[in-house]
N, C-alpha and C. Protein backbone atom coordinates (compact mmCIF):
# COMPACT_ATOMS: atom_id res chain seq x y z
N MET A 1 12.86 5.00 6.26
CA MET A 1 13.31 5.14 4.92
C MET A 1 14.83 5.24 4.92
N ASN A 2 15.43 4.57 4.01
CA ASN A 2 16.88 4.58 3.90
C ASN A 2 17.28 5.33 2.64
N TYR A 3 17.71 6.61 2.79
CA TYR A 3 18.02 7.44 1.66
C TYR A 3 19.37 7.09 1.05
N LYS A 4 20.28 6.46 1.79
CA LYS A 4 21.62 6.21 1.31
C LYS A 4 21.88 4.74 0.95
N ALA A 5 20.82 3.95 0.89
CA ALA A 5 21.01 2.51 0.68
C ALA A 5 21.67 2.23 -0.70
N SER A 6 21.23 2.92 -1.71
CA SER A 6 21.78 2.69 -3.04
C SER A 6 21.57 3.94 -3.85
N LYS A 7 22.47 4.19 -4.76
CA LYS A 7 22.37 5.39 -5.58
C LYS A 7 21.50 5.16 -6.80
N PRO A 8 20.50 6.04 -7.02
CA PRO A 8 19.63 5.88 -8.18
C PRO A 8 20.44 6.11 -9.49
N ASP A 9 19.98 5.48 -10.53
CA ASP A 9 20.59 5.62 -11.84
C ASP A 9 19.53 6.25 -12.77
N LEU A 10 19.63 7.55 -12.95
CA LEU A 10 18.61 8.24 -13.76
C LEU A 10 18.76 7.98 -15.24
N LYS A 11 19.78 7.21 -15.64
CA LYS A 11 19.86 6.79 -17.03
C LYS A 11 18.91 5.66 -17.34
N GLN A 12 18.43 5.01 -16.28
CA GLN A 12 17.42 3.97 -16.44
C GLN A 12 16.05 4.65 -16.45
N PRO A 13 15.27 4.47 -17.54
CA PRO A 13 13.97 5.19 -17.66
C PRO A 13 13.03 4.96 -16.47
N ILE A 14 13.01 3.77 -15.93
CA ILE A 14 12.11 3.46 -14.78
C ILE A 14 12.52 4.31 -13.59
N GLN A 15 13.82 4.38 -13.30
CA GLN A 15 14.26 5.17 -12.17
C GLN A 15 14.15 6.67 -12.44
N LEU A 16 14.34 7.07 -13.68
CA LEU A 16 14.13 8.48 -14.03
C LEU A 16 12.70 8.90 -13.70
N LEU A 17 11.74 8.05 -14.04
CA LEU A 17 10.33 8.37 -13.70
C LEU A 17 10.11 8.31 -12.20
N ALA A 18 10.60 7.23 -11.56
CA ALA A 18 10.40 7.05 -10.13
C ALA A 18 10.91 8.26 -9.33
N PHE A 19 12.04 8.79 -9.74
CA PHE A 19 12.64 9.93 -9.05
C PHE A 19 12.18 11.27 -9.64
N GLY A 20 11.07 11.26 -10.34
CA GLY A 20 10.49 12.47 -10.82
C GLY A 20 11.42 13.33 -11.66
N PHE A 21 12.12 12.66 -12.58
CA PHE A 21 13.07 13.34 -13.45
C PHE A 21 14.17 14.03 -12.69
N GLY A 22 14.49 13.47 -11.52
CA GLY A 22 15.56 13.99 -10.66
C GLY A 22 15.09 14.85 -9.52
N SER A 23 13.82 15.26 -9.54
CA SER A 23 13.32 16.16 -8.48
C SER A 23 13.34 15.48 -7.11
N GLY A 24 13.22 14.16 -7.08
CA GLY A 24 13.22 13.44 -5.81
C GLY A 24 14.59 13.32 -5.15
N LEU A 25 15.61 13.77 -5.86
CA LEU A 25 16.96 13.71 -5.31
C LEU A 25 17.36 14.93 -4.54
N MET A 26 16.42 15.86 -4.34
CA MET A 26 16.69 17.04 -3.52
C MET A 26 17.02 16.56 -2.09
N PRO A 27 18.06 17.12 -1.47
CA PRO A 27 18.46 16.65 -0.15
C PRO A 27 17.41 16.96 0.94
N LYS A 28 16.66 18.01 0.79
CA LYS A 28 15.63 18.38 1.74
C LYS A 28 14.28 18.33 1.05
N ALA A 29 13.29 17.77 1.73
CA ALA A 29 11.90 17.74 1.24
C ALA A 29 11.75 17.22 -0.18
N PRO A 30 12.22 15.99 -0.45
CA PRO A 30 12.11 15.46 -1.80
C PRO A 30 10.64 15.30 -2.26
N GLY A 31 9.75 15.00 -1.32
CA GLY A 31 8.33 14.84 -1.69
C GLY A 31 7.74 16.18 -2.15
N THR A 32 8.10 17.24 -1.48
CA THR A 32 7.63 18.56 -1.89
C THR A 32 8.22 18.96 -3.22
N ALA A 33 9.52 18.66 -3.41
CA ALA A 33 10.19 18.96 -4.70
C ALA A 33 9.53 18.14 -5.81
N GLY A 34 9.22 16.91 -5.54
CA GLY A 34 8.55 16.08 -6.57
C GLY A 34 7.17 16.59 -6.89
N THR A 35 6.45 17.03 -5.87
CA THR A 35 5.11 17.60 -6.11
C THR A 35 5.23 18.88 -6.95
N LEU A 36 6.21 19.70 -6.66
CA LEU A 36 6.42 20.91 -7.47
C LEU A 36 6.73 20.54 -8.92
N ALA A 37 7.59 19.53 -9.11
CA ALA A 37 7.96 19.11 -10.45
C ALA A 37 6.75 18.53 -11.20
N ALA A 38 5.79 17.96 -10.50
CA ALA A 38 4.59 17.41 -11.12
C ALA A 38 3.71 18.46 -11.77
N ILE A 39 3.93 19.72 -11.40
CA ILE A 39 3.17 20.82 -12.00
C ILE A 39 3.47 20.95 -13.47
N ILE A 40 4.71 20.72 -13.85
CA ILE A 40 5.13 20.88 -15.25
C ILE A 40 4.32 20.01 -16.18
N PRO A 41 4.23 18.68 -15.96
CA PRO A 41 3.36 17.90 -16.83
C PRO A 41 1.88 18.18 -16.63
N TRP A 42 1.52 18.65 -15.44
CA TRP A 42 0.09 19.02 -15.20
C TRP A 42 -0.32 20.12 -16.13
N LEU A 43 0.59 21.03 -16.41
CA LEU A 43 0.26 22.14 -17.31
C LEU A 43 -0.18 21.62 -18.69
N TRP A 44 0.44 20.53 -19.12
CA TRP A 44 0.03 19.87 -20.37
C TRP A 44 -1.26 19.09 -20.16
N LEU A 45 -1.36 18.37 -19.05
CA LEU A 45 -2.56 17.59 -18.78
C LEU A 45 -3.81 18.43 -18.77
N THR A 46 -3.73 19.64 -18.26
CA THR A 46 -4.95 20.49 -18.17
C THR A 46 -5.47 20.89 -19.54
N GLN A 47 -4.62 20.75 -20.55
CA GLN A 47 -5.05 21.11 -21.90
C GLN A 47 -5.80 19.94 -22.59
N GLN A 48 -5.89 18.81 -21.93
CA GLN A 48 -6.56 17.64 -22.47
C GLN A 48 -8.03 17.62 -22.04
N SER A 49 -8.81 16.88 -22.74
CA SER A 49 -10.21 16.73 -22.36
C SER A 49 -10.23 15.94 -21.00
N LEU A 50 -11.30 16.07 -20.27
CA LEU A 50 -11.42 15.37 -19.00
C LEU A 50 -11.22 13.84 -19.15
N PRO A 51 -11.87 13.18 -20.14
CA PRO A 51 -11.67 11.75 -20.29
C PRO A 51 -10.19 11.38 -20.56
N VAL A 52 -9.50 12.18 -21.36
CA VAL A 52 -8.08 11.90 -21.64
C VAL A 52 -7.25 12.15 -20.37
N TYR A 53 -7.53 13.24 -19.65
CA TYR A 53 -6.86 13.50 -18.39
C TYR A 53 -6.99 12.35 -17.44
N LEU A 54 -8.24 11.86 -17.25
CA LEU A 54 -8.49 10.76 -16.34
C LEU A 54 -7.78 9.48 -16.78
N LEU A 55 -7.80 9.22 -18.08
CA LEU A 55 -7.13 8.02 -18.57
C LEU A 55 -5.64 8.08 -18.33
N ILE A 56 -5.03 9.23 -18.55
CA ILE A 56 -3.60 9.37 -18.30
C ILE A 56 -3.28 9.22 -16.81
N VAL A 57 -4.10 9.78 -15.96
CA VAL A 57 -3.87 9.67 -14.53
C VAL A 57 -4.01 8.23 -14.07
N ILE A 58 -5.04 7.53 -14.56
CA ILE A 58 -5.24 6.13 -14.20
C ILE A 58 -4.06 5.28 -14.66
N LEU A 59 -3.67 5.49 -15.91
CA LEU A 59 -2.52 4.73 -16.44
C LEU A 59 -1.22 5.05 -15.70
N SER A 60 -1.07 6.32 -15.33
CA SER A 60 0.12 6.73 -14.56
C SER A 60 0.16 6.07 -13.18
N CYS A 61 -1.02 5.97 -12.57
CA CYS A 61 -1.09 5.30 -11.24
C CYS A 61 -0.77 3.81 -11.38
N LEU A 62 -1.37 3.21 -12.37
CA LEU A 62 -1.10 1.76 -12.56
C LEU A 62 0.35 1.50 -12.92
N ALA A 63 0.91 2.32 -13.81
CA ALA A 63 2.31 2.17 -14.12
C ALA A 63 3.19 2.47 -12.93
N GLY A 64 2.72 3.38 -12.08
CA GLY A 64 3.48 3.75 -10.89
C GLY A 64 3.68 2.62 -9.93
N ILE A 65 2.74 1.69 -9.89
CA ILE A 65 2.90 0.52 -9.03
C ILE A 65 4.13 -0.25 -9.46
N TYR A 66 4.27 -0.43 -10.75
CA TYR A 66 5.47 -1.12 -11.28
C TYR A 66 6.71 -0.25 -11.13
N ILE A 67 6.62 1.00 -11.53
CA ILE A 67 7.75 1.93 -11.49
C ILE A 67 8.36 2.01 -10.10
N CYS A 68 7.50 2.24 -9.10
CA CYS A 68 7.98 2.37 -7.75
C CYS A 68 8.46 1.04 -7.17
N GLY A 69 7.73 -0.04 -7.45
CA GLY A 69 8.13 -1.34 -6.97
C GLY A 69 9.45 -1.81 -7.55
N LYS A 70 9.61 -1.63 -8.85
CA LYS A 70 10.86 -2.05 -9.55
C LYS A 70 12.02 -1.22 -9.04
N THR A 71 11.83 0.07 -8.82
CA THR A 71 12.89 0.92 -8.35
C THR A 71 13.33 0.54 -6.95
N THR A 72 12.39 0.27 -6.06
CA THR A 72 12.80 -0.15 -4.70
C THR A 72 13.52 -1.49 -4.75
N GLU A 73 13.07 -2.37 -5.63
CA GLU A 73 13.72 -3.68 -5.80
C GLU A 73 15.15 -3.49 -6.31
N ASP A 74 15.30 -2.64 -7.33
CA ASP A 74 16.64 -2.37 -7.92
C ASP A 74 17.59 -1.76 -6.91
N LEU A 75 17.06 -0.84 -6.07
CA LEU A 75 17.89 -0.13 -5.11
C LEU A 75 18.09 -0.92 -3.81
N GLY A 76 17.29 -1.96 -3.61
CA GLY A 76 17.40 -2.77 -2.41
C GLY A 76 16.90 -2.08 -1.17
N VAL A 77 15.89 -1.20 -1.32
CA VAL A 77 15.30 -0.50 -0.16
C VAL A 77 13.80 -0.71 -0.18
N HIS A 78 13.20 -0.54 0.99
CA HIS A 78 11.73 -0.69 1.11
C HIS A 78 11.00 0.47 0.43
N ASP A 79 11.38 1.68 0.76
CA ASP A 79 10.70 2.88 0.17
C ASP A 79 11.69 4.02 0.23
N HIS A 80 12.48 4.15 -0.82
CA HIS A 80 13.47 5.24 -0.92
C HIS A 80 12.72 6.57 -0.89
N GLY A 81 13.18 7.49 -0.04
CA GLY A 81 12.50 8.78 0.11
C GLY A 81 12.51 9.62 -1.13
N GLY A 82 13.39 9.34 -2.06
CA GLY A 82 13.45 10.15 -3.29
C GLY A 82 12.50 9.69 -4.36
N ILE A 83 11.82 8.55 -4.15
CA ILE A 83 10.84 8.09 -5.13
C ILE A 83 9.63 9.01 -5.04
N VAL A 84 9.34 9.74 -6.09
CA VAL A 84 8.30 10.75 -6.01
C VAL A 84 7.24 10.58 -7.13
N TRP A 85 7.30 9.50 -7.89
CA TRP A 85 6.26 9.31 -8.90
C TRP A 85 4.88 9.28 -8.25
N ASP A 86 4.82 8.77 -7.03
CA ASP A 86 3.53 8.77 -6.30
C ASP A 86 3.05 10.19 -6.03
N GLU A 87 3.96 11.13 -5.77
CA GLU A 87 3.57 12.52 -5.60
C GLU A 87 3.03 13.11 -6.89
N PHE A 88 3.64 12.75 -8.01
CA PHE A 88 3.15 13.23 -9.30
C PHE A 88 1.71 12.80 -9.44
N CYS A 89 1.44 11.52 -9.26
CA CYS A 89 0.08 11.02 -9.43
C CYS A 89 -0.89 11.60 -8.43
N GLY A 90 -0.43 11.72 -7.19
CA GLY A 90 -1.28 12.30 -6.14
C GLY A 90 -1.72 13.71 -6.43
N LEU A 91 -0.78 14.54 -6.93
CA LEU A 91 -1.13 15.91 -7.29
C LEU A 91 -2.08 15.95 -8.47
N TRP A 92 -1.81 15.11 -9.46
CA TRP A 92 -2.71 15.10 -10.63
C TRP A 92 -4.12 14.65 -10.26
N ILE A 93 -4.25 13.75 -9.30
CA ILE A 93 -5.57 13.37 -8.82
C ILE A 93 -6.25 14.56 -8.12
N THR A 94 -5.47 15.24 -7.27
CA THR A 94 -5.99 16.40 -6.54
C THR A 94 -6.58 17.41 -7.48
N LEU A 95 -5.92 17.61 -8.63
CA LEU A 95 -6.26 18.69 -9.54
C LEU A 95 -7.22 18.29 -10.69
N ILE A 96 -7.85 17.12 -10.56
CA ILE A 96 -8.81 16.70 -11.56
C ILE A 96 -9.97 17.69 -11.59
N ALA A 97 -10.29 18.22 -12.75
CA ALA A 97 -11.42 19.12 -13.00
C ALA A 97 -11.37 20.36 -12.11
N VAL A 98 -10.17 20.82 -11.86
CA VAL A 98 -9.98 22.07 -11.10
C VAL A 98 -9.67 23.17 -12.07
N PRO A 99 -10.22 24.35 -11.92
CA PRO A 99 -9.93 25.44 -12.87
C PRO A 99 -8.42 25.70 -13.01
N PHE A 100 -8.03 26.08 -14.19
CA PHE A 100 -6.60 26.31 -14.50
C PHE A 100 -6.27 27.75 -14.09
N THR A 101 -6.08 27.90 -12.76
CA THR A 101 -5.65 29.22 -12.22
C THR A 101 -4.62 28.98 -11.17
N TRP A 102 -3.79 29.99 -10.91
CA TRP A 102 -2.72 29.81 -9.94
C TRP A 102 -3.23 29.56 -8.53
N TYR A 103 -4.35 30.16 -8.17
CA TYR A 103 -4.82 29.99 -6.79
C TYR A 103 -5.41 28.60 -6.55
N TRP A 104 -6.10 28.03 -7.56
CA TRP A 104 -6.59 26.67 -7.37
C TRP A 104 -5.43 25.68 -7.40
N LEU A 105 -4.44 25.95 -8.20
CA LEU A 105 -3.22 25.12 -8.21
C LEU A 105 -2.53 25.18 -6.84
N LEU A 106 -2.35 26.37 -6.33
CA LEU A 106 -1.72 26.54 -5.01
C LEU A 106 -2.52 25.86 -3.91
N LEU A 107 -3.80 26.04 -3.94
CA LEU A 107 -4.64 25.38 -2.91
C LEU A 107 -4.58 23.85 -3.03
N GLY A 108 -4.64 23.35 -4.26
CA GLY A 108 -4.50 21.91 -4.47
C GLY A 108 -3.17 21.38 -4.01
N PHE A 109 -2.11 22.10 -4.36
CA PHE A 109 -0.76 21.74 -3.91
C PHE A 109 -0.70 21.65 -2.39
N LEU A 110 -1.18 22.69 -1.72
CA LEU A 110 -1.12 22.72 -0.27
C LEU A 110 -1.97 21.64 0.39
N LEU A 111 -3.17 21.41 -0.14
CA LEU A 111 -4.01 20.34 0.42
C LEU A 111 -3.38 18.97 0.21
N PHE A 112 -2.85 18.71 -0.97
CA PHE A 112 -2.21 17.43 -1.20
C PHE A 112 -1.03 17.20 -0.27
N ARG A 113 -0.17 18.22 -0.15
CA ARG A 113 1.00 18.09 0.74
C ARG A 113 0.55 17.91 2.19
N PHE A 114 -0.52 18.58 2.60
CA PHE A 114 -1.07 18.43 3.93
C PHE A 114 -1.41 16.97 4.23
N PHE A 115 -2.19 16.37 3.33
CA PHE A 115 -2.61 14.97 3.54
C PHE A 115 -1.45 14.01 3.37
N ASP A 116 -0.53 14.30 2.46
CA ASP A 116 0.62 13.41 2.23
C ASP A 116 1.59 13.44 3.40
N ILE A 117 1.76 14.59 3.98
CA ILE A 117 2.72 14.70 5.12
C ILE A 117 2.11 14.22 6.42
N LEU A 118 0.89 14.66 6.74
CA LEU A 118 0.28 14.30 8.00
C LEU A 118 -0.27 12.86 8.04
N LYS A 119 -0.66 12.37 6.89
CA LYS A 119 -1.16 11.00 6.73
C LYS A 119 -2.23 10.64 7.78
N PRO A 120 -3.39 11.33 7.74
CA PRO A 120 -4.47 10.90 8.63
C PRO A 120 -5.00 9.55 8.22
N TRP A 121 -5.74 8.91 9.13
CA TRP A 121 -6.31 7.60 8.81
C TRP A 121 -7.24 7.75 7.61
N PRO A 122 -7.30 6.90 6.68
CA PRO A 122 -6.62 5.62 6.56
C PRO A 122 -5.27 5.69 5.82
N ILE A 123 -4.82 6.90 5.49
CA ILE A 123 -3.57 7.03 4.73
C ILE A 123 -2.42 6.45 5.51
N ASN A 124 -2.35 6.74 6.83
CA ASN A 124 -1.24 6.21 7.63
C ASN A 124 -1.30 4.70 7.72
N TRP A 125 -2.49 4.13 7.80
CA TRP A 125 -2.64 2.68 7.86
C TRP A 125 -2.16 2.05 6.54
N LEU A 126 -2.54 2.65 5.40
CA LEU A 126 -2.11 2.12 4.09
C LEU A 126 -0.58 2.21 3.97
N ASP A 127 -0.01 3.35 4.46
CA ASP A 127 1.41 3.57 4.36
C ASP A 127 2.19 2.49 5.12
N LYS A 128 1.63 2.05 6.26
CA LYS A 128 2.29 1.06 7.11
C LYS A 128 2.01 -0.37 6.72
N LYS A 129 0.84 -0.66 6.19
CA LYS A 129 0.40 -2.04 5.99
C LYS A 129 0.54 -2.57 4.58
N VAL A 130 0.58 -1.68 3.57
CA VAL A 130 0.62 -2.17 2.20
C VAL A 130 2.05 -1.97 1.66
N ASP A 131 2.66 -3.07 1.23
CA ASP A 131 4.06 -3.05 0.80
C ASP A 131 4.22 -2.89 -0.70
N GLY A 132 5.45 -2.72 -1.09
CA GLY A 132 5.84 -2.70 -2.49
C GLY A 132 5.37 -1.46 -3.23
N GLY A 133 5.33 -1.56 -4.55
CA GLY A 133 4.92 -0.47 -5.38
C GLY A 133 3.49 -0.05 -5.10
N LEU A 134 2.63 -1.00 -4.81
CA LEU A 134 1.24 -0.66 -4.48
C LEU A 134 1.18 0.20 -3.24
N GLY A 135 1.93 -0.16 -2.21
CA GLY A 135 1.95 0.57 -0.98
C GLY A 135 2.49 2.00 -1.15
N ILE A 136 3.52 2.10 -1.98
CA ILE A 136 4.10 3.45 -2.21
C ILE A 136 3.09 4.34 -2.92
N MET A 137 2.38 3.76 -3.88
CA MET A 137 1.39 4.57 -4.64
C MET A 137 0.10 4.82 -3.87
N LEU A 138 -0.37 3.84 -3.11
CA LEU A 138 -1.73 3.89 -2.56
C LEU A 138 -1.93 5.03 -1.59
N ASP A 139 -0.96 5.27 -0.70
CA ASP A 139 -1.19 6.36 0.29
C ASP A 139 -1.26 7.70 -0.39
N ASP A 140 -0.49 7.90 -1.46
CA ASP A 140 -0.55 9.19 -2.19
C ASP A 140 -1.80 9.30 -3.03
N ILE A 141 -2.28 8.20 -3.56
CA ILE A 141 -3.55 8.20 -4.30
C ILE A 141 -4.69 8.62 -3.34
N VAL A 142 -4.70 8.03 -2.17
CA VAL A 142 -5.77 8.37 -1.19
C VAL A 142 -5.61 9.83 -0.72
N ALA A 143 -4.36 10.28 -0.46
CA ALA A 143 -4.12 11.66 -0.10
C ALA A 143 -4.63 12.58 -1.21
N GLY A 144 -4.36 12.20 -2.46
CA GLY A 144 -4.85 13.00 -3.59
C GLY A 144 -6.38 13.02 -3.65
N LEU A 145 -7.01 11.89 -3.33
CA LEU A 145 -8.49 11.84 -3.36
C LEU A 145 -9.08 12.70 -2.24
N PHE A 146 -8.47 12.66 -1.06
CA PHE A 146 -8.95 13.50 0.05
C PHE A 146 -8.85 14.98 -0.33
N ALA A 147 -7.71 15.36 -0.87
CA ALA A 147 -7.50 16.77 -1.27
C ALA A 147 -8.45 17.15 -2.39
N TRP A 148 -8.68 16.23 -3.30
CA TRP A 148 -9.61 16.47 -4.45
C TRP A 148 -11.04 16.70 -3.93
N ILE A 149 -11.46 15.91 -2.99
CA ILE A 149 -12.82 16.06 -2.44
C ILE A 149 -12.95 17.43 -1.83
N ILE A 150 -11.99 17.84 -1.05
CA ILE A 150 -12.07 19.17 -0.41
C ILE A 150 -12.09 20.26 -1.49
N LEU A 151 -11.24 20.15 -2.48
CA LEU A 151 -11.24 21.16 -3.52
C LEU A 151 -12.58 21.23 -4.25
N GLN A 152 -13.15 20.08 -4.53
CA GLN A 152 -14.43 20.04 -5.24
C GLN A 152 -15.53 20.67 -4.39
N VAL A 153 -15.53 20.37 -3.09
CA VAL A 153 -16.51 20.99 -2.20
C VAL A 153 -16.34 22.52 -2.19
N MET A 154 -15.10 22.95 -2.12
CA MET A 154 -14.84 24.38 -2.12
C MET A 154 -15.27 25.02 -3.46
N LEU A 155 -15.02 24.30 -4.53
CA LEU A 155 -15.39 24.82 -5.85
C LEU A 155 -16.90 24.97 -6.02
N TYR A 156 -17.63 23.97 -5.61
CA TYR A 156 -19.03 23.91 -5.96
C TYR A 156 -20.04 24.21 -4.86
N VAL A 157 -19.57 24.31 -3.62
CA VAL A 157 -20.51 24.52 -2.52
C VAL A 157 -20.20 25.83 -1.79
N TYR A 158 -19.01 25.96 -1.24
CA TYR A 158 -18.70 27.02 -0.30
C TYR A 158 -18.01 28.23 -0.87
N LEU A 159 -17.07 28.04 -1.76
CA LEU A 159 -16.27 29.16 -2.22
C LEU A 159 -16.33 29.34 -3.71
N PRO A 160 -17.19 30.20 -4.21
CA PRO A 160 -17.19 30.48 -5.65
C PRO A 160 -15.83 31.02 -6.04
N THR A 161 -15.43 30.79 -7.24
CA THR A 161 -14.11 31.22 -7.72
C THR A 161 -13.85 32.68 -7.45
N SER A 162 -14.84 33.52 -7.66
CA SER A 162 -14.60 34.97 -7.47
C SER A 162 -14.31 35.28 -6.03
N LEU A 163 -14.97 34.62 -5.11
CA LEU A 163 -14.72 34.87 -3.68
C LEU A 163 -13.32 34.41 -3.30
N LEU A 164 -12.94 33.20 -3.73
CA LEU A 164 -11.61 32.71 -3.41
C LEU A 164 -10.52 33.61 -4.06
N SER A 165 -10.77 34.02 -5.27
CA SER A 165 -9.83 34.89 -5.95
C SER A 165 -9.63 36.17 -5.18
N SER A 166 -10.75 36.78 -4.73
CA SER A 166 -10.66 38.01 -3.95
C SER A 166 -9.94 37.79 -2.64
N LEU A 167 -10.20 36.68 -1.99
CA LEU A 167 -9.58 36.36 -0.72
C LEU A 167 -8.05 36.18 -0.90
N LEU A 168 -7.68 35.39 -1.85
CA LEU A 168 -6.25 35.15 -2.10
C LEU A 168 -5.53 36.41 -2.56
N ALA A 169 -6.16 37.20 -3.40
CA ALA A 169 -5.56 38.46 -3.85
C ALA A 169 -5.33 39.40 -2.66
N ALA A 170 -6.30 39.44 -1.74
CA ALA A 170 -6.15 40.30 -0.55
C ALA A 170 -5.02 39.80 0.31
N VAL A 171 -4.90 38.50 0.48
CA VAL A 171 -3.87 37.93 1.34
C VAL A 171 -2.45 38.20 0.74
N PHE A 172 -2.34 38.00 -0.56
CA PHE A 172 -1.02 38.08 -1.18
C PHE A 172 -0.65 39.47 -1.66
N SER A 173 -1.54 40.43 -1.54
CA SER A 173 -1.21 41.80 -2.00
C SER A 173 -0.54 42.61 -0.90
N HIS A 174 -0.53 42.08 0.33
CA HIS A 174 0.11 42.86 1.44
C HIS A 174 1.49 42.40 1.70
């Protein structure tokens, strides 16, 4: 990734979105900063019905292919590290139908960042083999799906909300 190839212009709406309203311009860990910034619109998304939430996420992912592709084209780079619209979408996928509580949000955030940073197969393969806006978006979409599956299993099979709440409260109270 070439972070210094060209300077983003946040006055351009496409680049403003691609750079997560400026969150992707953080000098250290822009992906993590972008994922944190994605929480703000998620707070609004959680107030929508599930069909509306899903529609917005699908449209955001589809638009992201263009947003990320156009931005890399405009900047003349393959995948600028500050492009974080893919992190926005990946986190929103992770948090589909997850209870609106701080501990599920934290767990979703950590799981998504885990898969996005480590890129286990097939995420690493997608990251290397698929180019353009689709490639930028696809690895984060899959990372979000992996994290979502784990969260859903935890929600409905292994960790009832009360157990997880007690566990997290015990961990963070010391």
